[in-house]
């Protein structure tokens, strides 16, 4: 129960971290699995593995959606503004080039210009909010 919801959630989480989810496979593993379930699990895993391999061969990158771009920019603002609180995270983001003004997303996949604009607005608001919060703490 809940397989689709769980897979959707995991896809969202992976997307927030910048991963391209090209396939997924939910399998059932009861303690005493009937042979038909073993076969169905194997079939699902084989389909997902083929899709994953095909995506690797093609080298395709999925275009990020609005939500993913907005989350990227919100996280960018957070790790950049809170460098003292999260130096390792900021260093990693800097190393990846994600703190550069030209960064639009985790990958070089094309980003819809409207999504980029929305993300940059969210980034600006997040930076401003963080700065105000830090100033209030002083």
N, C-alpha and C. Protein backbone atom coordinates (compact mmCIF):
# COMPACT_ATOMS: atom_id res chain seq x y z
N UNK A 1 0.83 -1.18 0.00
CA UNK A 1 0.00 0.00 0.00
C UNK A 1 0.88 1.25 0.00
N UNK A 2 0.49 2.25 -0.73
CA UNK A 2 1.20 3.51 -0.74
C UNK A 2 2.42 3.54 -1.63
N UNK A 3 2.59 2.51 -2.45
CA UNK A 3 3.78 2.42 -3.30
C UNK A 3 3.93 3.65 -4.21
N UNK A 4 2.86 4.01 -4.89
CA UNK A 4 2.93 5.15 -5.82
C UNK A 4 3.25 6.44 -5.06
N UNK A 5 2.58 6.66 -3.93
CA UNK A 5 2.83 7.87 -3.14
C UNK A 5 4.29 7.92 -2.66
N UNK A 6 4.80 6.79 -2.22
CA UNK A 6 6.18 6.74 -1.75
C UNK A 6 7.16 7.02 -2.89
N UNK A 7 6.92 6.40 -4.04
CA UNK A 7 7.80 6.63 -5.19
C UNK A 7 7.73 8.08 -5.66
N UNK A 8 6.54 8.66 -5.63
CA UNK A 8 6.40 10.08 -5.99
C UNK A 8 7.18 10.96 -5.02
N UNK A 9 7.09 10.65 -3.72
CA UNK A 9 7.81 11.42 -2.71
C UNK A 9 9.31 11.30 -2.91
N UNK A 10 9.80 10.09 -3.13
CA UNK A 10 11.24 9.89 -3.33
C UNK A 10 11.73 10.60 -4.59
N UNK A 11 10.91 10.61 -5.63
CA UNK A 11 11.26 11.34 -6.85
C UNK A 11 11.38 12.84 -6.56
N UNK A 12 10.43 13.36 -5.77
CA UNK A 12 10.48 14.78 -5.40
C UNK A 12 11.75 15.10 -4.61
N UNK A 13 12.06 14.26 -3.63
CA UNK A 13 13.25 14.50 -2.81
C UNK A 13 14.51 14.44 -3.68
N UNK A 14 14.60 13.43 -4.53
CA UNK A 14 15.77 13.31 -5.40
C UNK A 14 15.87 14.52 -6.34
N UNK A 15 14.74 14.99 -6.84
CA UNK A 15 14.73 16.17 -7.70
C UNK A 15 15.18 17.42 -6.98
N UNK A 16 14.79 17.56 -5.72
CA UNK A 16 15.21 18.71 -4.92
C UNK A 16 16.73 18.73 -4.79
N UNK A 17 17.33 17.55 -4.74
CA UNK A 17 18.79 17.46 -4.62
C UNK A 17 19.48 17.49 -5.98
N UNK A 18 18.71 17.66 -7.06
CA UNK A 18 19.31 17.83 -8.37
C UNK A 18 19.49 16.56 -9.18
N UNK A 19 18.90 15.47 -8.75
CA UNK A 19 19.01 14.22 -9.49
C UNK A 19 17.94 14.15 -10.58
N UNK A 20 18.30 13.58 -11.72
CA UNK A 20 17.33 13.26 -12.76
C UNK A 20 16.81 11.85 -12.47
N UNK A 21 15.54 11.73 -12.21
CA UNK A 21 14.95 10.41 -11.98
C UNK A 21 14.40 9.93 -13.32
N UNK A 22 15.06 8.95 -13.90
CA UNK A 22 14.66 8.49 -15.23
C UNK A 22 13.79 7.24 -15.17
N UNK A 23 13.76 6.60 -14.02
CA UNK A 23 12.94 5.41 -13.86
C UNK A 23 12.74 5.15 -12.38
N UNK A 24 11.80 4.29 -12.10
CA UNK A 24 11.56 3.90 -10.71
C UNK A 24 10.90 2.54 -10.71
N UNK A 25 11.09 1.82 -9.60
CA UNK A 25 10.52 0.48 -9.50
C UNK A 25 10.10 0.23 -8.06
N UNK A 26 8.84 0.00 -7.88
CA UNK A 26 8.34 -0.41 -6.57
C UNK A 26 8.17 -1.92 -6.59
N UNK A 27 8.74 -2.56 -5.59
CA UNK A 27 8.63 -4.02 -5.53
C UNK A 27 8.04 -4.43 -4.19
N UNK A 28 7.39 -5.58 -4.19
CA UNK A 28 6.77 -6.13 -2.99
C UNK A 28 7.63 -7.27 -2.50
N UNK A 29 7.95 -7.26 -1.20
CA UNK A 29 8.83 -8.30 -0.65
C UNK A 29 8.29 -8.86 0.66
N UNK A 30 7.20 -9.63 0.59
CA UNK A 30 6.70 -10.26 1.81
C UNK A 30 7.68 -11.35 2.28
N UNK A 31 7.58 -11.75 3.56
CA UNK A 31 8.51 -12.77 4.08
C UNK A 31 8.52 -14.06 3.26
N UNK A 32 7.35 -14.54 2.90
CA UNK A 32 7.26 -15.75 2.07
C UNK A 32 6.66 -15.34 0.74
N UNK A 33 7.54 -15.08 -0.21
CA UNK A 33 7.11 -14.54 -1.49
C UNK A 33 6.74 -15.65 -2.46
N UNK A 34 5.53 -15.57 -3.02
CA UNK A 34 5.15 -16.53 -4.04
C UNK A 34 5.99 -16.32 -5.31
N UNK A 35 6.17 -17.34 -6.08
CA UNK A 35 7.00 -17.29 -7.29
C UNK A 35 6.52 -16.22 -8.26
N UNK A 36 5.21 -16.05 -8.38
CA UNK A 36 4.69 -15.03 -9.29
C UNK A 36 5.12 -13.63 -8.87
N UNK A 37 5.24 -13.39 -7.54
CA UNK A 37 5.70 -12.09 -7.06
C UNK A 37 7.18 -11.89 -7.34
N UNK A 38 7.96 -12.95 -7.21
CA UNK A 38 9.39 -12.89 -7.53
C UNK A 38 9.56 -12.50 -8.99
N UNK A 39 8.77 -13.13 -9.87
CA UNK A 39 8.85 -12.83 -11.30
C UNK A 39 8.44 -11.40 -11.59
N UNK A 40 7.37 -10.93 -10.93
CA UNK A 40 6.91 -9.56 -11.14
C UNK A 40 7.95 -8.55 -10.65
N UNK A 41 8.55 -8.81 -9.50
CA UNK A 41 9.61 -7.93 -8.99
C UNK A 41 10.77 -7.87 -9.97
N UNK A 42 11.19 -9.02 -10.45
CA UNK A 42 12.30 -9.08 -11.42
C UNK A 42 11.96 -8.32 -12.69
N UNK A 43 10.72 -8.46 -13.16
CA UNK A 43 10.29 -7.75 -14.37
C UNK A 43 10.37 -6.24 -14.16
N UNK A 44 9.86 -5.77 -13.04
CA UNK A 44 9.89 -4.33 -12.75
C UNK A 44 11.32 -3.82 -12.66
N UNK A 45 12.18 -4.56 -12.00
CA UNK A 45 13.58 -4.15 -11.87
C UNK A 45 14.29 -4.14 -13.22
N UNK A 46 14.00 -5.12 -14.06
CA UNK A 46 14.61 -5.17 -15.40
C UNK A 46 14.17 -3.99 -16.25
N UNK A 47 12.88 -3.64 -16.20
CA UNK A 47 12.38 -2.49 -16.96
C UNK A 47 13.06 -1.22 -16.48
N UNK A 48 13.14 -1.02 -15.17
CA UNK A 48 13.78 0.18 -14.62
C UNK A 48 15.26 0.22 -14.99
N UNK A 49 15.93 -0.91 -14.92
CA UNK A 49 17.36 -0.96 -15.26
C UNK A 49 17.58 -0.62 -16.73
N UNK A 50 16.71 -1.12 -17.62
CA UNK A 50 16.84 -0.80 -19.04
C UNK A 50 16.64 0.70 -19.28
N UNK A 51 15.63 1.28 -18.63
CA UNK A 51 15.37 2.72 -18.78
C UNK A 51 16.55 3.54 -18.26
N UNK A 52 17.11 3.12 -17.14
CA UNK A 52 18.26 3.81 -16.57
C UNK A 52 19.47 3.72 -17.51
N UNK A 53 19.73 2.54 -18.02
CA UNK A 53 20.85 2.34 -18.93
C UNK A 53 20.66 3.16 -20.21
N UNK A 54 19.46 3.18 -20.74
CA UNK A 54 19.16 3.95 -21.95
C UNK A 54 19.43 5.43 -21.70
N UNK A 55 19.01 5.93 -20.55
CA UNK A 55 19.24 7.35 -20.23
C UNK A 55 20.74 7.63 -20.12
N UNK A 56 21.50 6.71 -19.56
CA UNK A 56 22.95 6.91 -19.47
C UNK A 56 23.58 6.94 -20.85
N UNK A 57 23.17 6.01 -21.71
CA UNK A 57 23.70 5.97 -23.08
C UNK A 57 23.39 7.23 -23.85
N UNK A 58 22.16 7.72 -23.72
CA UNK A 58 21.74 8.90 -24.46
C UNK A 58 22.30 10.19 -23.86
N UNK A 59 22.67 10.13 -22.58
CA UNK A 59 23.21 11.30 -21.92
C UNK A 59 22.22 12.44 -21.80
N UNK A 60 20.96 12.11 -21.83
CA UNK A 60 19.94 13.17 -21.79
C UNK A 60 19.75 13.70 -20.36
N UNK A 61 19.46 14.97 -20.30
CA UNK A 61 19.13 15.60 -19.04
C UNK A 61 17.70 16.08 -19.10
N UNK A 62 16.97 15.84 -18.04
CA UNK A 62 15.58 16.29 -18.00
C UNK A 62 15.55 17.78 -17.70
N UNK A 63 14.65 18.47 -18.36
CA UNK A 63 14.46 19.90 -18.07
C UNK A 63 13.79 20.00 -16.71
N UNK A 64 14.31 20.84 -15.83
CA UNK A 64 13.70 20.96 -14.50
C UNK A 64 12.38 21.71 -14.57
N UNK A 65 11.46 21.33 -13.70
CA UNK A 65 10.19 22.02 -13.60
C UNK A 65 10.30 23.27 -12.72
N UNK A 66 9.24 24.02 -12.67
CA UNK A 66 9.22 25.26 -11.89
C UNK A 66 9.57 25.00 -10.43
N UNK A 67 8.96 24.01 -9.84
CA UNK A 67 9.20 23.71 -8.42
C UNK A 67 10.67 23.42 -8.17
N UNK A 68 11.29 22.64 -9.02
CA UNK A 68 12.69 22.28 -8.85
C UNK A 68 13.60 23.50 -8.98
N UNK A 69 13.30 24.38 -9.92
CA UNK A 69 14.12 25.58 -10.12
C UNK A 69 13.96 26.52 -8.93
N UNK A 70 12.75 26.69 -8.45
CA UNK A 70 12.51 27.55 -7.30
C UNK A 70 13.24 27.01 -6.07
N UNK A 71 13.16 25.71 -5.85
CA UNK A 71 13.85 25.11 -4.70
C UNK A 71 15.35 25.27 -4.84
N UNK A 72 15.88 25.10 -6.05
CA UNK A 72 17.32 25.29 -6.26
C UNK A 72 17.74 26.70 -5.81
N UNK A 73 17.00 27.71 -6.25
CA UNK A 73 17.37 29.08 -5.92
C UNK A 73 17.18 29.39 -4.44
N UNK A 74 16.17 28.82 -3.82
CA UNK A 74 15.97 29.02 -2.38
C UNK A 74 17.13 28.40 -1.60
N UNK A 75 17.56 27.21 -2.01
CA UNK A 75 18.69 26.56 -1.35
C UNK A 75 19.99 27.32 -1.61
N UNK A 76 20.14 27.83 -2.82
CA UNK A 76 21.32 28.63 -3.16
C UNK A 76 21.43 29.81 -2.20
N UNK A 77 20.33 30.53 -2.02
CA UNK A 77 20.33 31.67 -1.11
C UNK A 77 20.68 31.23 0.31
N UNK A 78 20.11 30.15 0.74
CA UNK A 78 20.34 29.66 2.11
C UNK A 78 21.81 29.32 2.33
N UNK A 79 22.39 28.51 1.45
CA UNK A 79 23.77 28.09 1.65
C UNK A 79 24.75 29.25 1.47
N UNK A 80 24.42 30.20 0.63
CA UNK A 80 25.30 31.34 0.42
C UNK A 80 25.23 32.30 1.61
N UNK A 81 24.04 32.61 2.06
CA UNK A 81 23.87 33.57 3.15
C UNK A 81 24.26 33.00 4.52
N UNK A 82 24.11 31.71 4.70
CA UNK A 82 24.42 31.09 5.99
C UNK A 82 25.76 30.37 5.96
N UNK A 83 26.73 30.98 5.31
CA UNK A 83 28.05 30.36 5.16
C UNK A 83 28.69 30.04 6.51
N UNK A 84 28.48 30.89 7.51
CA UNK A 84 29.07 30.64 8.83
C UNK A 84 28.42 29.45 9.53
N UNK A 85 27.13 29.24 9.29
CA UNK A 85 26.41 28.13 9.92
C UNK A 85 26.60 26.81 9.20
N UNK A 86 26.81 26.88 7.90
CA UNK A 86 26.94 25.66 7.10
C UNK A 86 28.12 25.79 6.13
N UNK A 87 29.35 25.90 6.66
CA UNK A 87 30.49 26.13 5.77
C UNK A 87 30.75 24.98 4.79
N UNK A 88 30.51 23.76 5.21
CA UNK A 88 30.74 22.62 4.31
C UNK A 88 29.76 22.65 3.14
N UNK A 89 28.50 22.97 3.44
CA UNK A 89 27.50 23.05 2.37
C UNK A 89 27.84 24.18 1.41
N UNK A 90 28.23 25.34 1.94
CA UNK A 90 28.58 26.46 1.07
C UNK A 90 29.79 26.12 0.21
N UNK A 91 30.79 25.49 0.81
CA UNK A 91 31.99 25.11 0.05
C UNK A 91 31.63 24.15 -1.08
N UNK A 92 30.74 23.21 -0.80
CA UNK A 92 30.33 22.24 -1.83
C UNK A 92 29.60 22.96 -2.97
N UNK A 93 28.67 23.84 -2.62
CA UNK A 93 27.93 24.57 -3.64
C UNK A 93 28.87 25.45 -4.47
N UNK A 94 29.84 26.05 -3.82
CA UNK A 94 30.81 26.89 -4.54
C UNK A 94 31.65 26.02 -5.47
N UNK A 95 32.10 24.88 -4.97
CA UNK A 95 32.90 23.95 -5.77
C UNK A 95 32.14 23.47 -7.02
N UNK A 96 30.85 23.27 -6.88
CA UNK A 96 30.03 22.81 -8.00
C UNK A 96 29.71 23.93 -8.99
N UNK A 97 29.96 25.18 -8.60
CA UNK A 97 29.66 26.31 -9.47
C UNK A 97 28.23 26.80 -9.32
N UNK A 98 27.51 26.28 -8.35
CA UNK A 98 26.10 26.64 -8.19
C UNK A 98 25.90 28.00 -7.55
N UNK A 99 26.95 28.56 -6.96
CA UNK A 99 26.84 29.90 -6.37
C UNK A 99 27.16 31.00 -7.39
N UNK A 100 27.62 30.61 -8.56
CA UNK A 100 27.91 31.59 -9.61
C UNK A 100 26.62 32.29 -10.03
N UNK A 101 26.72 33.55 -10.36
CA UNK A 101 25.54 34.32 -10.78
C UNK A 101 24.88 33.73 -12.02
N UNK A 102 25.65 33.01 -12.83
CA UNK A 102 25.10 32.45 -14.06
C UNK A 102 24.41 31.09 -13.85
N UNK A 103 24.53 30.52 -12.64
CA UNK A 103 23.93 29.20 -12.38
C UNK A 103 22.41 29.29 -12.43
N UNK A 104 21.84 28.41 -13.23
CA UNK A 104 20.39 28.38 -13.36
C UNK A 104 19.79 27.15 -12.70
N UNK A 105 20.63 26.10 -12.56
CA UNK A 105 20.16 24.84 -11.98
C UNK A 105 21.37 23.97 -11.71
N UNK A 106 21.16 22.81 -11.12
CA UNK A 106 22.25 21.89 -10.79
C UNK A 106 22.99 21.39 -12.03
N UNK A 107 22.25 21.20 -13.10
CA UNK A 107 22.83 20.64 -14.32
C UNK A 107 22.81 21.69 -15.43
N UNK A 108 23.34 21.31 -16.57
CA UNK A 108 23.34 22.23 -17.71
C UNK A 108 22.07 22.10 -18.55
N UNK A 109 21.09 21.35 -18.04
CA UNK A 109 19.83 21.20 -18.78
C UNK A 109 19.20 22.57 -18.98
N UNK A 110 18.56 22.78 -20.12
CA UNK A 110 17.92 24.07 -20.35
C UNK A 110 16.83 24.35 -19.31
N UNK A 111 16.78 25.60 -18.85
CA UNK A 111 15.79 26.02 -17.86
C UNK A 111 14.86 27.04 -18.53
N UNK A 112 13.59 26.83 -18.40
CA UNK A 112 12.60 27.77 -18.93
C UNK A 112 12.91 29.15 -18.34
N UNK A 113 13.04 30.18 -19.19
CA UNK A 113 13.38 31.53 -18.69
C UNK A 113 12.40 32.06 -17.64
N UNK A 114 11.13 31.72 -17.76
CA UNK A 114 10.16 32.17 -16.75
C UNK A 114 10.41 31.46 -15.42
N UNK A 115 10.78 30.18 -15.48
CA UNK A 115 11.10 29.45 -14.25
C UNK A 115 12.34 30.05 -13.60
N UNK A 116 13.32 30.40 -14.43
CA UNK A 116 14.55 31.00 -13.91
C UNK A 116 14.23 32.33 -13.23
N UNK A 117 13.39 33.14 -13.87
CA UNK A 117 13.02 34.43 -13.29
C UNK A 117 12.30 34.23 -11.95
N UNK A 118 11.38 33.29 -11.90
CA UNK A 118 10.66 33.01 -10.65
C UNK A 118 11.64 32.53 -9.58
N UNK A 119 12.58 31.68 -9.97
CA UNK A 119 13.58 31.19 -9.02
C UNK A 119 14.44 32.31 -8.48
N UNK A 120 14.83 33.23 -9.34
CA UNK A 120 15.68 34.35 -8.90
C UNK A 120 14.92 35.30 -7.98
N UNK A 121 13.62 35.45 -8.20
CA UNK A 121 12.80 36.26 -7.29
C UNK A 121 12.74 35.59 -5.92
N UNK A 122 12.50 34.29 -5.91
CA UNK A 122 12.47 33.55 -4.64
C UNK A 122 13.83 33.65 -3.96
N UNK A 123 14.89 33.54 -4.72
CA UNK A 123 16.24 33.66 -4.16
C UNK A 123 16.43 35.03 -3.51
N UNK A 124 16.01 36.08 -4.18
CA UNK A 124 16.14 37.43 -3.65
C UNK A 124 15.35 37.58 -2.34
N UNK A 125 14.12 37.08 -2.34
CA UNK A 125 13.28 37.15 -1.13
C UNK A 125 13.91 36.34 0.00
N UNK A 126 14.42 35.16 -0.31
CA UNK A 126 15.04 34.32 0.71
C UNK A 126 16.28 34.99 1.29
N UNK A 127 17.12 35.55 0.43
CA UNK A 127 18.32 36.25 0.92
C UNK A 127 17.93 37.40 1.86
N UNK A 128 16.97 38.15 1.45
CA UNK A 128 16.52 39.30 2.24
C UNK A 128 15.99 38.84 3.60
N UNK A 129 15.20 37.79 3.60
CA UNK A 129 14.64 37.25 4.83
C UNK A 129 15.74 36.73 5.76
N UNK A 130 16.69 36.03 5.19
CA UNK A 130 17.80 35.49 5.99
C UNK A 130 18.61 36.63 6.59
N UNK A 131 18.92 37.63 5.80
CA UNK A 131 19.70 38.77 6.29
C UNK A 131 18.98 39.50 7.43
N UNK A 132 17.68 39.67 7.26
CA UNK A 132 16.89 40.32 8.33
C UNK A 132 16.91 39.48 9.60
N UNK A 133 16.75 38.16 9.42
CA UNK A 133 16.77 37.28 10.59
C UNK A 133 18.11 37.29 11.30
N UNK A 134 19.18 37.30 10.53
CA UNK A 134 20.52 37.35 11.13
C UNK A 134 20.75 38.69 11.84
N UNK A 135 20.27 39.78 11.24
CA UNK A 135 20.43 41.09 11.86
C UNK A 135 19.65 41.17 13.17
N UNK A 136 18.48 40.57 13.21
CA UNK A 136 17.65 40.59 14.41
C UNK A 136 18.29 39.79 15.54
N UNK A 137 19.11 38.82 15.20
CA UNK A 137 19.76 37.98 16.21
C UNK A 137 20.98 38.68 16.82
N UNK A 138 21.45 39.72 16.20
CA UNK A 138 22.65 40.41 16.71
C UNK A 138 22.35 41.30 17.85
